[in-house]
C-alpha atoms as a PDB file:
ATOM      1  CA  MET A   1      11.417  20.502 -30.082  1.00  0.00           C
ATOM      2  CA  SER A   2      11.402  23.949 -28.491  1.00  0.00           C
ATOM      3  CA  GLY A   3      11.359  24.569 -24.732  1.00  0.00           C
ATOM      4  CA  THR A   4       7.809  25.901 -25.018  1.00  0.00           C
ATOM      5  CA  GLU A   5       6.630  22.717 -26.727  1.00  0.00           C
ATOM      6  CA  ARG A   6       8.305  20.534 -24.104  1.00  0.00           C
ATOM      7  CA  ASN A   7       6.700  22.517 -21.302  1.00  0.00           C
ATOM      8  CA  ARG A   8       3.310  22.268 -22.965  1.00  0.00           C
ATOM      9  CA  GLY A   9       3.760  18.504 -23.294  1.00  0.00           C
ATOM     10  CA  ARG A  10       4.523  18.191 -19.578  1.00  0.00           C
ATOM     11  CA  ASP A  11       1.487  20.332 -18.763  1.00  0.00           C
ATOM     12  CA  LEU A  12      -0.752  18.041 -20.815  1.00  0.00           C
ATOM     13  CA  GLU A  13       0.669  14.951 -19.092  1.00  0.00           C
ATOM     14  CA  ARG A  14       0.075  16.539 -15.672  1.00  0.00           C
ATOM     15  CA  GLU A  15      -3.495  17.459 -16.564  1.00  0.00           C
ATOM     16  CA  ALA A  16      -4.173  13.913 -17.767  1.00  0.00           C
ATOM     17  CA  LEU A  17      -2.768  12.462 -14.542  1.00  0.00           C
ATOM     18  CA  GLU A  18      -4.805  14.809 -12.354  1.00  0.00           C
ATOM     19  CA  GLU A  19      -7.997  13.907 -14.215  1.00  0.00           C
ATOM     20  CA  THR A  20      -7.210  10.214 -13.703  1.00  0.00           C
ATOM     21  CA  VAL A  21      -6.440  10.625  -9.999  1.00  0.00           C
ATOM     22  CA  LEU A  22      -9.891  12.085  -9.402  1.00  0.00           C
ATOM     23  CA  ASN A  23     -11.374   8.643 -10.151  1.00  0.00           C
ATOM     24  CA  VAL A  24      -9.262   6.867  -7.492  1.00  0.00           C
ATOM     25  CA  LYS A  25     -10.749   5.409  -4.295  1.00  0.00           C
ATOM     26  CA  VAL A  26      -9.404   3.359  -1.384  1.00  0.00           C
ATOM     27  CA  VAL A  27     -11.696   0.521  -0.292  1.00  0.00           C
ATOM     28  CA  PRO A  28     -11.009  -1.836   2.648  1.00  0.00           C
ATOM     29  CA  PHE A  29     -12.102  -5.473   2.427  1.00  0.00           C
ATOM     30  CA  ARG A  30     -11.823  -8.538   4.570  1.00  0.00           C
ATOM     31  CA  GLY A  31      -9.973 -11.118   2.533  1.00  0.00           C
ATOM     32  CA  ILE A  32     -13.056 -13.298   2.136  1.00  0.00           C
ATOM     33  CA  GLU A  33     -15.059 -10.306   0.832  1.00  0.00           C
ATOM     34  CA  LEU A  34     -12.743  -9.360  -2.044  1.00  0.00           C
ATOM     35  CA  PRO A  35     -14.612  -9.269  -5.374  1.00  0.00           C
ATOM     36  CA  GLN A  36     -13.349 -11.749  -7.938  1.00  0.00           C
ATOM     37  CA  VAL A  37     -12.182  -9.017 -10.312  1.00  0.00           C
ATOM     38  CA  LEU A  38      -9.829  -7.700  -7.610  1.00  0.00           C
ATOM     39  CA  ARG A  39      -8.806 -11.176  -6.420  1.00  0.00           C
ATOM     40  CA  SER A  40      -7.606 -12.034  -9.906  1.00  0.00           C
ATOM     41  CA  GLN A  41      -5.475  -8.904 -10.178  1.00  0.00           C
ATOM     42  CA  ILE A  42      -4.011  -9.369  -6.685  1.00  0.00           C
ATOM     43  CA  ILE A  43      -3.101 -12.992  -7.454  1.00  0.00           C
ATOM     44  CA  VAL A  44      -1.168 -11.848 -10.528  1.00  0.00           C
ATOM     45  CA  ALA A  45       0.587  -9.082  -8.582  1.00  0.00           C
ATOM     46  CA  ASN A  46       1.425 -11.395  -5.671  1.00  0.00           C
ATOM     47  CA  GLU A  47       2.960 -13.958  -7.999  1.00  0.00           C
ATOM     48  CA  ALA A  48       4.974 -11.440 -10.023  1.00  0.00           C
ATOM     49  CA  THR A  49       6.179  -9.350  -7.091  1.00  0.00           C
ATOM     50  CA  PHE A  50       6.284 -11.589  -4.025  1.00  0.00           C
ATOM     51  CA  ALA A  51       6.595 -15.068  -5.606  1.00  0.00           C
ATOM     52  CA  TRP A  52       3.293 -16.128  -4.022  1.00  0.00           C
ATOM     53  CA  SER A  53       1.543 -19.029  -5.717  1.00  0.00           C
ATOM     54  CA  THR A  54      -2.160 -18.839  -6.487  1.00  0.00           C
ATOM     55  CA  ALA A  55      -2.767 -21.266  -3.610  1.00  0.00           C
ATOM     56  CA  MET A  56      -0.904 -18.974  -1.192  1.00  0.00           C
ATOM     57  CA  SER A  57      -2.984 -15.970  -2.253  1.00  0.00           C
ATOM     58  CA  GLU A  58      -6.236 -17.926  -2.006  1.00  0.00           C
ATOM     59  CA  ALA A  59      -5.253 -19.168   1.473  1.00  0.00           C
ATOM     60  CA  ASP A  60      -4.611 -15.601   2.579  1.00  0.00           C
ATOM     61  CA  PHE A  61      -7.975 -14.434   1.219  1.00  0.00           C
ATOM     62  CA  ALA A  62      -9.638 -17.185   3.284  1.00  0.00           C
ATOM     63  CA  ASN A  63      -7.758 -16.315   6.489  1.00  0.00           C
ATOM     64  CA  ALA A  64     -10.192 -14.926   9.075  1.00  0.00           C
ATOM     65  CA  GLN A  65      -7.657 -12.269  10.147  1.00  0.00           C
ATOM     66  CA  SER A  66      -6.860 -11.147   6.591  1.00  0.00           C
ATOM     67  CA  GLU A  67      -7.685  -7.612   5.408  1.00  0.00           C
ATOM     68  CA  TYR A  68      -6.926  -5.830   2.138  1.00  0.00           C
ATOM     69  CA  TYR A  69      -6.909  -2.074   1.604  1.00  0.00           C
ATOM     70  CA  VAL A  70      -7.272  -1.665  -2.134  1.00  0.00           C
ATOM     71  CA  MET A  71      -6.726   1.461  -4.219  1.00  0.00           C
ATOM     72  CA  VAL A  72      -8.795   1.268  -7.407  1.00  0.00           C
ATOM     73  CA  ARG A  73      -9.605   3.449 -10.357  1.00  0.00           C
ATOM     74  CA  ASP A  74     -13.080   3.340 -11.884  1.00  0.00           C
ATOM     75  CA  ARG A  75     -14.110   0.728  -9.253  1.00  0.00           C
ATOM     76  CA  ASP A  76     -12.187  -2.298 -10.566  1.00  0.00           C
ATOM     77  CA  GLU A  77      -8.772  -1.270 -11.955  1.00  0.00           C
ATOM     78  CA  LEU A  78      -6.208  -2.190  -9.304  1.00  0.00           C
ATOM     79  CA  LEU A  79      -3.567   0.488  -8.653  1.00  0.00           C
ATOM     80  CA  ALA A  80      -2.221  -0.500  -5.227  1.00  0.00           C
ATOM     81  CA  TYR A  81      -2.994  -2.513  -2.123  1.00  0.00           C
ATOM     82  CA  VAL A  82      -1.867  -3.216   1.414  1.00  0.00           C
ATOM     83  CA  SER A  83      -2.610  -6.615   2.935  1.00  0.00           C
ATOM     84  CA  LEU A  84      -2.417  -7.358   6.651  1.00  0.00           C
ATOM     85  CA  HIS A  85      -3.470  -9.707   9.426  1.00  0.00           C
ATOM     86  CA  HIS A  86      -5.301  -8.272  12.436  1.00  0.00           C
ATOM     87  CA  ILE A  87      -5.439 -10.025  15.813  1.00  0.00           C
ATOM     88  CA  LEU A  88      -6.780  -8.249  18.904  1.00  0.00           C
ATOM     89  CA  ASP A  89      -4.977  -4.887  19.242  1.00  0.00           C
ATOM     90  CA  GLU A  90      -2.106  -5.726  16.861  1.00  0.00           C
ATOM     91  CA  ALA A  91      -1.749  -5.988  13.094  1.00  0.00           C
ATOM     92  CA  THR A  92       1.026  -7.220  10.835  1.00  0.00           C
ATOM     93  CA  ILE A  93       1.422  -5.940   7.287  1.00  0.00           C
ATOM     94  CA  ASN A  94       2.185  -8.723   4.811  1.00  0.00           C
ATOM     95  CA  THR A  95       2.428  -6.977   1.448  1.00  0.00           C
ATOM     96  CA  VAL A  96       2.515  -3.456   0.045  1.00  0.00           C
ATOM     97  CA  PHE A  97       2.119  -3.141  -3.713  1.00  0.00           C
ATOM     98  CA  VAL A  98       1.848  -0.258  -6.181  1.00  0.00           C
ATOM     99  CA  GLU A  99       1.476  -0.893  -9.911  1.00  0.00           C
ATOM    100  CA  PRO A 100       4.826  -0.007 -11.546  1.00  0.00           C
ATOM    101  CA  SER A 101       3.292   2.583 -13.878  1.00  0.00           C
ATOM    102  CA  TRP A 102       1.765   4.380 -10.873  1.00  0.00           C
ATOM    103  CA  ARG A 103       4.863   4.694  -8.708  1.00  0.00           C
ATOM    104  CA  GLN A 104       6.624   7.939  -7.751  1.00  0.00           C
ATOM    105  CA  LEU A 105       3.285   9.788  -7.600  1.00  0.00           C
ATOM    106  CA  GLY A 106       2.619   9.662  -3.862  1.00  0.00           C
ATOM    107  CA  LEU A 107      -0.100   7.001  -4.114  1.00  0.00           C
ATOM    108  CA  GLY A 108       1.714   4.566  -1.849  1.00  0.00           C
ATOM    109  CA  LEU A 109       2.093   7.052   0.982  1.00  0.00           C
ATOM    110  CA  HIS A 110      -1.539   8.166   0.640  1.00  0.00           C
ATOM    111  CA  LEU A 111      -2.722   4.546   0.805  1.00  0.00           C
ATOM    112  CA  PHE A 112      -0.458   3.814   3.752  1.00  0.00           C
ATOM    113  CA  ASN A 113      -1.719   6.821   5.703  1.00  0.00           C
ATOM    114  CA  PHE A 114      -5.323   5.783   5.035  1.00  0.00           C
ATOM    115  CA  VAL A 115      -4.579   2.315   6.422  1.00  0.00           C
ATOM    116  CA  LEU A 116      -2.954   3.809   9.530  1.00  0.00           C
ATOM    117  CA  ASP A 117      -5.967   6.063  10.161  1.00  0.00           C
ATOM    118  CA  GLN A 118      -8.397   3.147   9.794  1.00  0.00           C
ATOM    119  CA  LEU A 119      -6.445   0.895  12.154  1.00  0.00           C
ATOM    120  CA  ALA A 120      -6.056   3.629  14.772  1.00  0.00           C
ATOM    121  CA  ALA A 121      -9.810   4.286  14.658  1.00  0.00           C
ATOM    122  CA  ARG A 122     -10.374   0.628  15.515  1.00  0.00           C
ATOM    123  CA  ASP A 123      -8.152   0.810  18.611  1.00  0.00           C
ATOM    124  CA  ILE A 124      -5.316  -1.206  17.101  1.00  0.00           C
ATOM    125  CA  LEU A 125      -2.270  -0.162  19.095  1.00  0.00           C
ATOM    126  CA  ASN A 126       0.737  -1.703  17.357  1.00  0.00           C
ATOM    127  CA  LEU A 127       1.487  -2.321  13.706  1.00  0.00           C
ATOM    128  CA  PHE A 128       4.406  -4.473  12.545  1.00  0.00           C
ATOM    129  CA  LEU A 129       6.011  -5.257   9.210  1.00  0.00           C
ATOM    130  CA  GLU A 130       9.087  -6.945   7.811  1.00  0.00           C
ATOM    131  CA  VAL A 131      11.100  -5.681   4.846  1.00  0.00           C
ATOM    132  CA  ARG A 132      14.265  -6.646   3.024  1.00  0.00           C
ATOM    133  CA  ALA A 133      17.241  -4.603   4.200  1.00  0.00           C
ATOM    134  CA  LYS A 134      18.203  -3.816   0.593  1.00  0.00           C
ATOM    135  CA  ASN A 135      14.723  -2.535  -0.251  1.00  0.00           C
ATOM    136  CA  VAL A 136      15.720   1.064   0.409  1.00  0.00           C
ATOM    137  CA  PRO A 137      12.659   2.740  -1.213  1.00  0.00           C
ATOM    138  CA  ALA A 138      10.256   0.630   0.901  1.00  0.00           C
ATOM    139  CA  ARG A 139      12.141   1.392   4.106  1.00  0.00           C
ATOM    140  CA  ALA A 140      12.016   5.099   3.257  1.00  0.00           C
ATOM    141  CA  LEU A 141       8.246   4.888   2.694  1.00  0.00           C
ATOM    142  CA  TYR A 142       7.720   3.178   6.036  1.00  0.00           C
ATOM    143  CA  ARG A 143       9.891   5.670   7.898  1.00  0.00           C
ATOM    144  CA  ALA A 144       7.926   8.496   6.274  1.00  0.00           C
ATOM    145  CA  ALA A 145       4.768   6.848   7.655  1.00  0.00           C
ATOM    146  CA  GLY A 146       6.222   6.859  11.171  1.00  0.00           C
ATOM    147  CA  PHE A 147       7.650   3.344  11.494  1.00  0.00           C
ATOM    148  CA  GLU A 148      10.743   2.638  13.579  1.00  0.00           C
ATOM    149  CA  GLU A 149      13.235  -0.123  12.888  1.00  0.00           C
ATOM    150  CA  LEU A 150      13.316  -2.583  15.801  1.00  0.00           C
ATOM    151  CA  VAL A 151      15.698  -5.380  14.883  1.00  0.00           C
ATOM    152  CA  VAL A 152      17.552  -6.912  11.934  1.00  0.00           C
ATOM    153  CA  ARG A 153      17.362 -10.662  11.271  1.00  0.00           C
ATOM    154  CA  GLN A 154      20.676 -11.526   9.670  1.00  0.00           C
ATOM    155  CA  GLY A 155      20.498 -13.714   6.551  1.00  0.00           C
ATOM    156  CA  TYR A 156      16.732 -14.228   6.881  1.00  0.00           C
ATOM    157  CA  TYR A 157      15.935 -14.103   3.155  1.00  0.00           C
ATOM    158  CA  GLU A 158      17.115 -16.376   0.371  1.00  0.00           C
ATOM    159  CA  ASP A 159      17.069 -16.056  -3.425  1.00  0.00           C
ATOM    160  CA  PRO A 160      18.381 -13.396  -3.241  1.00  0.00           C
ATOM    161  CA  ALA A 161      20.060 -13.444   0.132  1.00  0.00           C
ATOM    162  CA  ASP A 162      19.238 -10.482   2.346  1.00  0.00           C
ATOM    163  CA  ASP A 163      18.641  -9.443   5.930  1.00  0.00           C
ATOM    164  CA  ALA A 164      15.126  -8.777   7.259  1.00  0.00           C
ATOM    165  CA  VAL A 165      14.335  -5.527   9.045  1.00  0.00           C
ATOM    166  CA  ILE A 166      11.466  -5.652  11.558  1.00  0.00           C
ATOM    167  CA  MET A 167       9.658  -2.321  11.889  1.00  0.00           C
ATOM    168  CA  GLN A 168       6.935  -1.126  14.256  1.00  0.00           C
ATOM    169  CA  LYS A 169       4.563   1.801  14.577  1.00  0.00           C
ATOM    170  CA  HIS A 170       2.558   2.588  17.703  1.00  0.00           C
ATOM    171  CA  LEU A 171      -0.921   3.806  16.882  1.00  0.00           C
ATOM    172  CA  ALA A 172      -2.996   6.091  19.090  1.00  0.00           C
ATOM    173  CA  GLY A 173      -6.401   4.395  18.899  1.00  0.00           C
ATOM    174  CA  ALA A 174      -9.253   6.835  18.284  1.00  0.00           C
ATOM    175  CA  GLY A 175     -11.973   4.395  19.396  1.00  0.00           C
ATOM    176  CA  GLN A 176     -14.207   4.990  16.388  1.00  0.00           C
ATOM    177  CA  GLY A 177     -14.761   1.294  15.708  1.00  0.00           C
ATOM    178  CA  ALA A 178     -14.617   1.543  11.901  1.00  0.00           C
ATOM    179  CA  GLY A 179     -14.934  -1.886  10.311  1.00  0.00           C
ATOM    180  CA  ALA A 180     -13.138  -3.304   7.286  1.00  0.00           C
ATOM    181  CA  GLY A 181     -15.252  -3.538   4.182  1.00  0.00           C
ATOM    182  CA  VAL A 182     -17.469  -0.551   4.931  1.00  0.00           C
ATOM    183  CA  VAL A 183     -15.350   2.561   4.422  1.00  0.00           C
ATOM    184  CA  GLU A 184     -14.391   4.284   1.214  1.00  0.00           C
ATOM    185  CA  SER A 185     -12.200   7.359   0.876  1.00  0.00           C
ATOM    186  CA  ASP A 186     -11.115   9.579  -1.956  1.00  0.00           C
ATOM    187  CA  GLU A 187     -10.175  12.392   0.414  1.00  0.00           C
ATOM    188  CA  GLY A 188      -6.613  13.616   0.390  1.00  0.00           C
ATOM    189  CA  LEU A 189      -6.014  12.823  -3.277  1.00  0.00           C
ATOM    190  CA  GLU A 190      -5.345  16.489  -3.909  1.00  0.00           C
ATOM    191  CA  GLY A 191      -2.189  15.844  -1.928  1.00  0.00           C
ATOM    192  CA  VAL A 192      -1.251  13.120  -4.404  1.00  0.00           C
ATOM    193  CA  LYS A 193      -1.382  15.651  -7.210  1.00  0.00           C
ATOM    194  CA  GLN A 194       0.707  18.088  -5.175  1.00  0.00           C
ATOM    195  CA  ASN A 195       3.266  15.338  -4.532  1.00  0.00           C
ATOM    196  CA  GLN A 196       3.407  14.607  -8.242  1.00  0.00           C
ATOM    197  CA  GLU A 197       4.144  18.230  -9.019  1.00  0.00           C
ATOM    198  CA  ARG A 198       6.883  18.355  -6.366  1.00  0.00           C
ATOM    199  CA  GLY A 199       8.269  14.948  -7.319  1.00  0.00           C
ATOM    200  CA  ALA A 200       7.693  13.742  -3.758  1.00  0.00           C
ATOM    201  CA  GLY A 201       6.499  10.401  -2.454  1.00  0.00           C
ATOM    202  CA  ASP A 202       8.233   7.061  -2.972  1.00  0.00           C
ATOM    203  CA  GLU A 203       6.393   3.813  -3.384  1.00  0.00           C
ATOM    204  CA  SER A 204       7.856   0.372  -3.338  1.00  0.00           C
ATOM    205  CA  ASP A 205       6.844  -3.219  -2.790  1.00  0.00           C
ATOM    206  CA  SER A 206       7.502  -5.187   0.366  1.00  0.00           C
ATOM    207  CA  SER A 207       6.867  -8.770   1.398  1.00  0.00           C
ATOM    208  CA  ASP A 208       7.501 -10.866   4.468  1.00  0.00           C
END
């Protein structure tokens, strides 16, 4: 294959990706409000990625403090999600997931920034998460989003053994009072396409 043909092939792949990205939205839900079509996909992802049983996922959906920020294509195809628990002016992120075929495109960072903006608008001041020390891509994503590493819990994880890194981000609340389950956003997705062209933006999965 000639260089011209290879370049043309890459151009076609980029055009197809950009057309697909235009159909992507981020939708926040309280856990109890998640539609069944998304619940089913999250249960599968939780089990495969975080070793959560179906019962564990269902219990989290039912938790009154549980919120899910879901990135979907064409309304019901799950691409990524962030789950968290919100109590008073603090929130703790439980899971961050991006479908394997959609990684390295900047989607994870876009989703994360959307979550941060929503939480800040609701006057949440501090956001916490826990990540495996060996999960270098996830730690890089969180640092890019402005998180600082607070403390390391030695030998916290088993199977496989690993340390746990506790990270925190202080949010400047904007006082807008946005509520989960009522906001959609497809703004900023042009930046996803720009990241794809530059090869920027790492996504990874994290669990507590």
